[in-house]
N, C-alpha and C. Protein backbone atom coordinates (compact mmCIF):
# COMPACT_ATOMS: atom_id res chain seq x y z
N MET A 1 -5.16 1.11 19.65
CA MET A 1 -4.36 0.73 18.04
C MET A 1 -3.23 1.88 17.71
N ASN A 2 -2.74 1.62 16.77
CA ASN A 2 -1.78 2.36 16.41
C ASN A 2 -0.84 2.11 14.91
N VAL A 3 -0.64 3.37 14.04
CA VAL A 3 -0.22 2.37 12.91
C VAL A 3 2.04 3.42 13.25
N GLU A 4 2.37 2.29 12.99
CA GLU A 4 3.45 2.84 13.35
C GLU A 4 4.31 2.20 12.73
N PRO A 5 6.20 3.32 12.32
CA PRO A 5 7.53 2.52 10.93
C PRO A 5 7.59 0.87 12.04
N LEU A 6 7.64 0.13 11.27
CA LEU A 6 8.24 -1.16 11.55
C LEU A 6 9.73 -0.90 13.01
N GLY A 7 10.11 -1.29 13.61
CA GLY A 7 11.35 -1.25 14.80
C GLY A 7 11.83 -2.12 15.10
N PRO A 8 12.90 -2.21 16.09
CA PRO A 8 13.19 -3.07 16.42
C PRO A 8 12.56 -4.01 17.27
N SER A 9 11.87 -3.08 17.78
CA SER A 9 10.33 -3.57 19.20
C SER A 9 9.40 -4.48 18.56
N HIS A 10 9.03 -5.17 16.99
CA HIS A 10 8.42 -5.82 17.14
C HIS A 10 8.16 -7.00 16.83
N ASP A 11 7.64 -7.58 17.17
CA ASP A 11 7.61 -8.94 17.39
C ASP A 11 6.77 -9.65 15.88
N ARG A 12 7.61 -9.23 15.00
CA ARG A 12 7.39 -10.14 13.62
C ARG A 12 7.41 -11.31 13.71
N ALA A 13 7.74 -12.14 14.18
CA ALA A 13 7.62 -13.78 14.36
C ALA A 13 6.39 -14.14 14.32
N ALA A 14 5.52 -13.74 15.90
CA ALA A 14 3.57 -13.81 15.63
C ALA A 14 2.86 -13.92 14.46
N PHE A 15 3.51 -12.17 14.31
CA PHE A 15 2.36 -12.13 12.84
C PHE A 15 2.38 -13.39 11.94
N HIS A 16 1.07 -13.44 11.72
CA HIS A 16 0.59 -15.09 10.80
C HIS A 16 -0.84 -14.35 10.08
N SER A 17 -0.34 -13.77 8.52
CA SER A 17 -1.74 -14.09 7.86
C SER A 17 -2.41 -14.32 6.71
N GLY A 18 -1.65 -15.83 6.86
CA GLY A 18 -2.29 -16.73 6.23
C GLY A 18 -1.69 -17.16 4.66
N VAL A 19 -0.98 -16.04 4.15
CA VAL A 19 -0.25 -15.77 3.43
C VAL A 19 1.11 -15.80 3.11
N ALA A 20 0.86 -17.15 2.60
CA ALA A 20 3.19 -17.34 2.82
C ALA A 20 3.57 -15.86 2.93
N GLU A 21 3.61 -16.06 0.90
CA GLU A 21 4.38 -14.36 0.71
C GLU A 21 4.43 -13.38 1.33
N LEU A 22 3.57 -13.04 2.05
CA LEU A 22 3.61 -11.95 2.61
C LEU A 22 4.09 -11.89 3.49
N ASP A 23 3.40 -12.58 5.03
CA ASP A 23 4.00 -13.49 6.36
C ASP A 23 5.60 -13.09 5.63
N ARG A 24 6.05 -13.90 4.99
CA ARG A 24 7.86 -14.12 4.60
C ARG A 24 7.88 -12.56 4.33
N TYR A 25 8.06 -11.96 3.87
CA TYR A 25 8.44 -10.64 3.90
C TYR A 25 8.71 -10.10 5.59
N LEU A 26 7.21 -9.45 5.94
CA LEU A 26 7.27 -9.11 7.06
C LEU A 26 8.53 -9.69 8.00
N HIS A 27 8.10 -11.01 8.38
CA HIS A 27 8.83 -12.49 9.06
C HIS A 27 10.69 -11.70 8.74
N HIS A 28 11.05 -11.95 6.94
CA HIS A 28 12.47 -12.11 7.44
C HIS A 28 13.12 -10.57 6.18
N GLN A 29 12.40 -10.53 5.88
CA GLN A 29 12.85 -9.07 4.27
C GLN A 29 12.57 -7.62 4.35
N ALA A 30 10.93 -7.56 5.67
CA ALA A 30 10.95 -6.18 5.83
C ALA A 30 11.65 -5.17 6.57
N SER A 31 12.35 -5.94 7.24
CA SER A 31 12.89 -4.96 8.07
C SER A 31 14.72 -4.15 7.32
N GLN A 32 14.74 -5.65 6.84
CA GLN A 32 16.09 -5.29 5.67
C GLN A 32 16.11 -3.87 4.97
N ASP A 33 14.83 -3.87 3.80
CA ASP A 33 14.47 -3.19 3.52
C ASP A 33 14.19 -1.40 3.53
N ALA A 34 13.96 -1.60 5.19
CA ALA A 34 14.15 -0.37 6.14
C ALA A 34 15.35 0.39 6.16
N LYS A 35 16.10 -0.52 6.21
CA LYS A 35 17.36 -0.33 6.64
C LYS A 35 18.31 0.17 5.25
N ARG A 36 17.41 -0.52 4.00
CA ARG A 36 18.41 0.02 2.80
C ARG A 36 17.54 0.47 2.10
N LYS A 37 16.13 1.52 2.89
CA LYS A 37 15.75 2.42 2.28
C LYS A 37 14.99 1.83 0.63
N VAL A 38 14.63 0.44 0.61
CA VAL A 38 13.74 0.30 -0.05
C VAL A 38 12.68 0.49 0.01
N ALA A 39 12.02 -0.13 0.91
CA ALA A 39 10.90 0.10 1.18
C ALA A 39 10.31 0.43 2.47
N ALA A 40 9.10 2.00 2.96
CA ALA A 40 8.62 1.84 4.49
C ALA A 40 7.90 0.53 4.69
N PRO A 41 8.35 -0.77 6.14
CA PRO A 41 7.35 -0.33 6.53
C PRO A 41 6.53 0.06 7.54
N PHE A 42 4.78 -0.06 7.58
CA PHE A 42 4.50 0.15 8.42
C PHE A 42 3.90 -0.69 9.94
N VAL A 43 3.84 -0.76 10.91
CA VAL A 43 2.93 -1.75 11.41
C VAL A 43 1.66 -1.30 12.65
N LEU A 44 0.53 -1.65 11.88
CA LEU A 44 -0.26 -1.25 13.40
C LEU A 44 -0.57 -2.55 14.26
N ILE A 45 -0.11 -1.75 15.83
CA ILE A 45 -0.16 -2.64 16.18
C ILE A 45 -1.17 -2.33 17.87
N ASP A 46 -1.47 -3.00 18.65
CA ASP A 46 -2.70 -2.87 19.44
C ASP A 46 -1.60 -2.71 21.27
N SER A 47 -2.16 -2.47 21.53
CA SER A 47 -2.33 -1.76 22.95
C SER A 47 -0.29 -2.08 23.88
N ASN A 48 -1.39 -3.74 23.14
CA ASN A 48 0.66 -4.50 23.51
C ASN A 48 1.25 -4.59 23.38
N GLY A 49 1.08 -3.62 21.40
CA GLY A 49 2.38 -3.97 20.96
C GLY A 49 3.11 -4.94 19.81
N ALA A 50 1.21 -5.50 20.41
CA ALA A 50 1.06 -7.33 19.21
C ALA A 50 1.27 -6.08 17.57
N ILE A 51 1.45 -6.75 16.73
CA ILE A 51 0.83 -6.51 15.12
C ILE A 51 -0.08 -7.26 15.13
N LEU A 52 -1.49 -6.93 14.46
CA LEU A 52 -2.24 -6.51 13.79
C LEU A 52 -2.26 -7.20 12.94
N GLY A 53 -0.33 -5.91 12.17
CA GLY A 53 -0.88 -6.35 10.25
C GLY A 53 -0.53 -4.21 9.22
N TYR A 54 0.10 -4.75 8.51
CA TYR A 54 0.96 -4.20 8.35
C TYR A 54 1.19 -3.87 7.29
N TYR A 55 1.66 -2.77 6.43
CA TYR A 55 1.72 -2.24 4.85
C TYR A 55 3.13 -2.11 4.44
N SER A 56 4.14 -1.50 3.04
CA SER A 56 5.12 -0.88 2.68
C SER A 56 4.51 -0.77 1.94
N LEU A 57 5.67 0.90 1.71
CA LEU A 57 5.79 1.58 0.70
C LEU A 57 7.07 1.91 0.35
N SER A 58 6.98 2.32 -0.88
CA SER A 58 8.03 2.60 -1.37
C SER A 58 7.74 3.26 -2.92
N ALA A 59 9.11 4.39 -3.44
CA ALA A 59 8.18 4.86 -5.26
C ALA A 59 8.85 3.91 -5.64
N TYR A 60 7.64 4.39 -7.08
CA TYR A 60 7.29 3.10 -8.39
C TYR A 60 8.00 4.07 -9.08
N SER A 61 6.94 3.55 -10.75
CA SER A 61 7.36 4.48 -11.82
C SER A 61 6.35 3.66 -12.63
N LEU A 62 5.04 4.33 -13.22
CA LEU A 62 4.32 3.83 -14.03
C LEU A 62 4.43 4.31 -15.61
N ARG A 63 4.45 3.49 -16.95
CA ARG A 63 4.85 3.79 -18.21
C ARG A 63 2.79 4.15 -18.43
N LEU A 64 3.14 5.46 -19.37
CA LEU A 64 1.42 5.72 -19.17
C LEU A 64 1.07 5.42 -20.07
N ARG A 65 1.34 4.32 -20.62
CA ARG A 65 0.50 3.68 -21.57
C ARG A 65 -0.02 2.55 -20.79
N ASP A 66 0.09 2.59 -19.47
CA ASP A 66 -0.22 1.10 -18.53
C ASP A 66 -1.18 1.74 -17.40
N LEU A 67 -1.41 3.56 -17.23
CA LEU A 67 -2.61 3.74 -17.04
C LEU A 67 -4.39 3.05 -18.07
N PRO A 68 -5.25 3.68 -17.34
CA PRO A 68 -6.58 3.79 -17.72
C PRO A 68 -6.40 5.47 -18.65
N GLU A 69 -7.38 4.76 -19.28
CA GLU A 69 -7.26 6.02 -20.36
C GLU A 69 -8.02 7.68 -20.18
N PRO A 70 -9.30 7.61 -18.79
CA PRO A 70 -9.47 8.89 -18.42
C PRO A 70 -7.43 9.82 -17.85
N TRP A 71 -7.18 8.31 -17.06
CA TRP A 71 -6.50 9.05 -16.32
C TRP A 71 -5.38 9.78 -17.01
N ALA A 72 -4.98 8.40 -18.18
CA ALA A 72 -3.20 8.82 -18.90
C ALA A 72 -3.94 10.41 -19.97
N LYS A 73 -5.12 10.89 -20.52
CA LYS A 73 -5.05 11.39 -21.55
C LYS A 73 -4.47 13.16 -20.06
N LYS A 74 -5.00 12.71 -19.17
CA LYS A 74 -4.50 14.05 -18.53
C LYS A 74 -3.07 14.35 -17.53
N LEU A 75 -2.73 13.75 -18.55
CA LEU A 75 -0.55 13.80 -17.68
C LEU A 75 0.09 13.70 -18.99
N PRO A 76 1.06 14.95 -18.00
CA PRO A 76 2.11 14.55 -19.35
C PRO A 76 2.28 13.52 -19.93
N ARG A 77 3.16 13.36 -21.17
CA ARG A 77 3.65 12.29 -21.82
C ARG A 77 4.88 12.02 -21.44
N TYR A 78 4.84 11.59 -20.39
CA TYR A 78 6.43 11.95 -20.05
C TYR A 78 6.72 10.21 -20.09
N PRO A 79 7.81 9.49 -20.49
CA PRO A 79 7.62 7.64 -20.87
C PRO A 79 7.54 7.05 -19.04
N LEU A 80 7.83 7.94 -18.17
CA LEU A 80 7.21 6.99 -16.89
C LEU A 80 7.32 7.89 -15.33
N LEU A 81 6.32 8.17 -15.15
CA LEU A 81 5.36 8.35 -14.35
C LEU A 81 5.49 8.41 -12.90
N PRO A 82 6.09 9.49 -11.87
CA PRO A 82 5.99 9.42 -10.33
C PRO A 82 4.87 8.69 -9.43
N ALA A 83 4.98 7.46 -9.40
CA ALA A 83 4.10 6.67 -7.99
C ALA A 83 4.23 6.30 -6.82
N THR A 84 3.17 5.81 -6.14
CA THR A 84 3.40 5.38 -4.91
C THR A 84 2.85 4.10 -5.01
N LEU A 85 4.08 3.65 -4.27
CA LEU A 85 3.46 1.55 -4.55
C LEU A 85 3.11 1.07 -2.71
N VAL A 86 2.27 0.96 -2.38
CA VAL A 86 2.32 0.22 -1.71
C VAL A 86 2.09 -1.82 -2.45
N GLY A 87 3.54 -1.97 -1.26
CA GLY A 87 3.57 -2.88 -2.28
C GLY A 87 3.11 -4.72 -1.38
N ARG A 88 2.86 -4.32 -0.01
CA ARG A 88 2.25 -5.47 0.22
C ARG A 88 0.90 -4.42 1.42
N LEU A 89 0.88 -5.03 2.14
CA LEU A 89 -0.41 -4.83 3.23
C LEU A 89 -1.49 -5.99 3.24
N ALA A 90 -1.23 -6.82 4.66
CA ALA A 90 -1.78 -7.65 4.79
C ALA A 90 -1.93 -7.71 6.82
N VAL A 91 -2.77 -7.77 7.13
CA VAL A 91 -3.70 -8.22 8.36
C VAL A 91 -3.95 -9.97 8.85
N GLY A 92 -3.48 -10.00 10.17
CA GLY A 92 -3.19 -10.50 11.14
C GLY A 92 -4.33 -12.02 11.09
N LYS A 93 -4.50 -12.88 10.37
CA LYS A 93 -5.26 -14.03 10.38
C LYS A 93 -6.44 -13.67 11.06
N GLU A 94 -6.26 -14.45 12.68
CA GLU A 94 -7.22 -13.94 14.11
C GLU A 94 -7.98 -11.85 13.36
N HIS A 95 -7.60 -11.39 13.02
CA HIS A 95 -7.70 -10.23 13.22
C HIS A 95 -8.89 -9.57 11.86
N ARG A 96 -8.97 -10.67 11.41
CA ARG A 96 -10.29 -10.61 10.09
C ARG A 96 -11.41 -10.08 10.33
N GLY A 97 -12.15 -9.34 9.24
CA GLY A 97 -13.62 -8.81 9.74
C GLY A 97 -13.99 -8.07 11.24
N ARG A 98 -12.19 -7.53 11.20
CA ARG A 98 -12.24 -5.84 11.58
C ARG A 98 -12.43 -4.75 10.96
N HIS A 99 -11.98 -4.90 9.49
CA HIS A 99 -12.17 -3.73 8.67
C HIS A 99 -10.81 -3.43 9.38
N LEU A 100 -9.90 -4.57 9.66
CA LEU A 100 -8.23 -3.64 9.94
C LEU A 100 -7.31 -3.16 8.59
N GLY A 101 -8.11 -3.96 6.78
CA GLY A 101 -7.40 -3.63 5.85
C GLY A 101 -7.50 -2.82 5.63
N ARG A 102 -8.84 -2.12 5.59
CA ARG A 102 -9.53 -0.61 5.35
C ARG A 102 -8.55 0.25 5.99
N LEU A 103 -8.42 0.52 7.14
CA LEU A 103 -8.03 1.15 8.10
C LEU A 103 -6.25 1.52 7.44
N LEU A 104 -5.11 0.23 7.48
CA LEU A 104 -4.00 -0.46 7.20
C LEU A 104 -3.83 0.38 5.24
N LEU A 105 -5.68 0.59 4.73
CA LEU A 105 -4.98 1.38 3.42
C LEU A 105 -5.22 2.40 3.37
N ILE A 106 -6.39 2.96 4.08
CA ILE A 106 -6.53 4.65 4.41
C ILE A 106 -5.69 4.85 4.70
N ASP A 107 -4.57 4.70 6.30
CA ASP A 107 -3.22 5.10 6.81
C ASP A 107 -2.03 5.08 5.41
N ALA A 108 -2.43 4.45 4.90
CA ALA A 108 -1.36 4.59 3.72
C ALA A 108 -1.35 5.21 2.22
N LEU A 109 -2.94 5.33 2.28
CA LEU A 109 -3.29 6.46 1.14
C LEU A 109 -2.95 8.10 1.82
N GLU A 110 -3.46 8.11 2.75
CA GLU A 110 -3.04 9.48 3.64
C GLU A 110 -1.24 9.87 3.81
N ARG A 111 -0.48 8.47 3.68
CA ARG A 111 0.80 9.01 3.74
C ARG A 111 1.05 9.12 2.71
N SER A 112 0.86 8.63 1.21
CA SER A 112 1.25 8.60 0.64
C SER A 112 0.82 9.98 -0.45
N TRP A 113 -0.37 10.48 -0.06
CA TRP A 113 -1.22 11.80 -0.31
C TRP A 113 -0.40 12.89 0.75
N LYS A 114 0.10 13.21 1.73
CA LYS A 114 0.91 14.00 2.27
C LYS A 114 2.19 14.29 2.09
N ASN A 115 2.93 13.25 1.33
CA ASN A 115 3.85 12.96 1.09
C ASN A 115 4.24 14.23 -0.76
N THR A 116 3.51 13.97 -1.00
CA THR A 116 2.74 14.72 -2.56
C THR A 116 3.32 15.99 -2.10
N ALA A 117 3.45 16.08 -0.99
CA ALA A 117 4.07 17.76 -0.91
C ALA A 117 5.49 18.32 -0.94
N GLU A 118 6.50 17.40 -0.80
CA GLU A 118 7.76 16.54 -1.09
C GLU A 118 8.62 16.10 -2.06
N VAL A 119 7.56 15.00 -2.46
CA VAL A 119 7.66 14.17 -3.97
C VAL A 119 7.05 13.90 -4.83
N GLY A 120 6.79 14.17 -6.23
CA GLY A 120 5.09 14.01 -6.45
C GLY A 120 5.54 12.37 -7.10
N SER A 121 3.85 12.24 -6.74
CA SER A 121 3.54 10.87 -7.44
C SER A 121 2.09 11.42 -7.77
N ILE A 122 1.48 11.13 -9.27
CA ILE A 122 0.77 10.55 -9.53
C ILE A 122 -0.19 10.02 -9.15
N GLY A 123 -0.04 8.48 -8.24
CA GLY A 123 -0.83 8.43 -7.50
C GLY A 123 -0.58 6.68 -6.99
N VAL A 124 -1.72 6.08 -6.15
CA VAL A 124 -1.12 4.26 -6.14
C VAL A 124 -0.98 3.70 -6.50
N VAL A 125 -0.06 2.98 -6.73
CA VAL A 125 0.41 1.25 -7.32
C VAL A 125 0.14 0.63 -6.30
N VAL A 126 -1.49 -0.38 -5.89
CA VAL A 126 -1.14 -1.76 -5.07
C VAL A 126 -0.85 -3.03 -6.28
N GLU A 127 -0.63 -3.94 -5.49
CA GLU A 127 -0.25 -5.06 -5.72
C GLU A 127 -1.17 -6.38 -5.10
N ALA A 128 -2.18 -6.90 -5.85
CA ALA A 128 -2.73 -7.55 -5.38
C ALA A 128 -2.86 -8.92 -5.76
N TYR A 129 -2.85 -9.16 -4.69
CA TYR A 129 -2.03 -11.16 -4.94
C TYR A 129 -2.75 -12.88 -5.56
N ASP A 130 -4.21 -11.88 -5.16
CA ASP A 130 -4.46 -12.66 -5.23
C ASP A 130 -6.28 -12.09 -5.68
N GLU A 131 -7.21 -12.98 -6.32
CA GLU A 131 -8.66 -12.42 -6.52
C GLU A 131 -9.04 -11.73 -5.02
N ALA A 132 -9.59 -11.98 -3.94
CA ALA A 132 -9.56 -11.56 -2.51
C ALA A 132 -9.21 -9.94 -2.54
N ALA A 133 -8.32 -9.97 -2.57
CA ALA A 133 -7.10 -9.12 -2.35
C ALA A 133 -6.99 -7.57 -4.03
N GLN A 134 -7.83 -7.70 -5.59
CA GLN A 134 -8.38 -7.39 -5.80
C GLN A 134 -10.00 -7.08 -5.95
N ALA A 135 -10.38 -7.99 -5.22
CA ALA A 135 -12.05 -7.09 -4.55
C ALA A 135 -11.64 -6.60 -3.44
N PHE A 136 -11.03 -6.23 -2.74
CA PHE A 136 -10.81 -5.59 -1.74
C PHE A 136 -10.18 -4.11 -2.67
N TYR A 137 -9.46 -4.26 -3.61
CA TYR A 137 -9.18 -3.05 -3.67
C TYR A 137 -10.30 -2.29 -4.78
N ARG A 138 -11.13 -2.48 -5.46
CA ARG A 138 -11.85 -2.65 -6.25
C ARG A 138 -12.20 -1.65 -5.66
N HIS A 139 -13.13 -2.41 -4.63
CA HIS A 139 -14.23 -2.18 -4.06
C HIS A 139 -13.43 -0.66 -3.19
N HIS A 140 -12.44 -0.52 -2.98
CA HIS A 140 -11.77 0.77 -2.12
C HIS A 140 -11.57 1.43 -3.57
N GLU A 141 -12.08 1.23 -4.96
CA GLU A 141 -11.83 2.29 -5.85
C GLU A 141 -10.87 2.68 -6.66
N PHE A 142 -10.07 1.06 -6.42
CA PHE A 142 -8.26 0.92 -7.56
C PHE A 142 -9.02 0.45 -8.42
N LEU A 143 -8.34 1.23 -10.30
CA LEU A 143 -8.98 0.38 -11.15
C LEU A 143 -7.69 -0.72 -11.85
N SER A 144 -7.41 -1.36 -12.21
CA SER A 144 -6.19 -2.35 -12.86
C SER A 144 -5.98 -1.51 -13.75
N LEU A 145 -4.72 -1.83 -13.65
CA LEU A 145 -3.73 -1.31 -14.94
C LEU A 145 -3.80 -1.88 -16.24
N LEU A 146 -3.31 -1.73 -17.05
CA LEU A 146 -3.46 -2.67 -18.47
C LEU A 146 -2.73 -3.46 -18.78
N ASP A 147 -2.84 -4.35 -18.81
CA ASP A 147 -2.43 -5.93 -19.20
C ASP A 147 -1.87 -6.17 -18.37
N ARG A 148 -2.23 -5.76 -16.66
CA ARG A 148 -1.52 -6.49 -15.47
C ARG A 148 -2.91 -6.63 -14.34
N PRO A 149 -3.47 -7.22 -14.68
CA PRO A 149 -4.58 -7.22 -13.73
C PRO A 149 -3.87 -6.87 -12.48
N GLY A 150 -3.04 -7.85 -11.84
CA GLY A 150 -2.38 -7.60 -10.48
C GLY A 150 -2.32 -6.37 -9.70
N LYS A 151 -2.07 -5.71 -10.15
CA LYS A 151 -1.22 -3.89 -10.09
C LYS A 151 -2.61 -3.09 -10.53
N MET A 152 -3.21 -2.42 -9.48
CA MET A 152 -3.83 -1.60 -9.75
C MET A 152 -3.33 0.13 -9.25
N PHE A 153 -4.92 1.26 -9.82
CA PHE A 153 -4.15 1.90 -9.13
C PHE A 153 -5.44 3.28 -9.35
N MET A 154 -4.77 4.13 -8.02
CA MET A 154 -5.69 5.42 -7.50
C MET A 154 -4.91 6.70 -7.96
N ALA A 155 -5.75 7.65 -8.38
CA ALA A 155 -4.91 8.47 -8.88
C ALA A 155 -4.91 9.41 -7.60
N MET A 156 -3.19 10.75 -7.51
CA MET A 156 -3.27 11.41 -6.62
C MET A 156 -4.47 12.27 -6.55
N SER A 157 -4.90 13.01 -7.59
CA SER A 157 -6.15 13.33 -7.40
C SER A 157 -7.31 13.38 -6.44
N THR A 158 -7.89 11.48 -6.84
CA THR A 158 -8.36 11.02 -6.00
C THR A 158 -8.27 11.73 -4.08
N ILE A 159 -8.01 10.45 -4.15
CA ILE A 159 -7.11 10.43 -3.11
C ILE A 159 -6.63 11.81 -2.65
N GLU A 160 -6.83 12.63 -2.81
CA GLU A 160 -6.20 14.67 -2.87
C GLU A 160 -8.16 14.62 -2.11
N LYS A 161 -8.85 14.17 -2.64
CA LYS A 161 -10.59 15.26 -2.63
C LYS A 161 -11.41 14.40 -0.81
N ALA A 162 -10.29 12.43 -1.57
CA ALA A 162 -11.09 11.82 0.24
C ALA A 162 -10.62 12.67 0.94
N PHE A 163 -9.05 13.18 1.47
CA PHE A 163 -8.65 13.73 2.36
C PHE A 163 -9.28 15.72 2.77
N ARG A 164 -9.44 15.72 1.85
CA ARG A 164 -9.73 17.11 2.23
C ARG A 164 -10.67 17.39 2.46
N THR A 165 -12.03 16.66 2.26
CA THR A 165 -13.15 16.55 2.84
C THR A 165 -12.74 16.23 4.10
N LEU A 166 -12.54 15.43 4.86
CA LEU A 166 -12.28 14.57 6.15
C LEU A 166 -12.11 16.05 7.47
């Protein structure tokens, strides 16, 4: 298995997560977003090149008032703060139970952390589309943004700590 940027050789139509919005994005919009530099989609492929899962990364701005208090008080009082957005993350429904979502999330967090050497980001924001996704992200130590339960946050300092100890 390998995670790589989405390219023209990847068979997007064969991927099905069981979540229509996530499938529609990969099938119809992800490559356009990549060309326009709106998002950077990455795919997890098997040895045959089949897509097992994917995620997308893009720049994001957070309002200080949306952050959980323990993090907000440590940050400068700018109206908007830079973050990295994992806009979508999905695993093919036939591959569930293999911890591929965790593998994709770790890859996304590591890429986000490494990118902070060149582009500032106070943390990673994820979009959890349903309760199962929220539970998945909570399990991986994400906190809900205030007044926005579908958006969750992990501070870059937490991410950095995790990767520096590996």
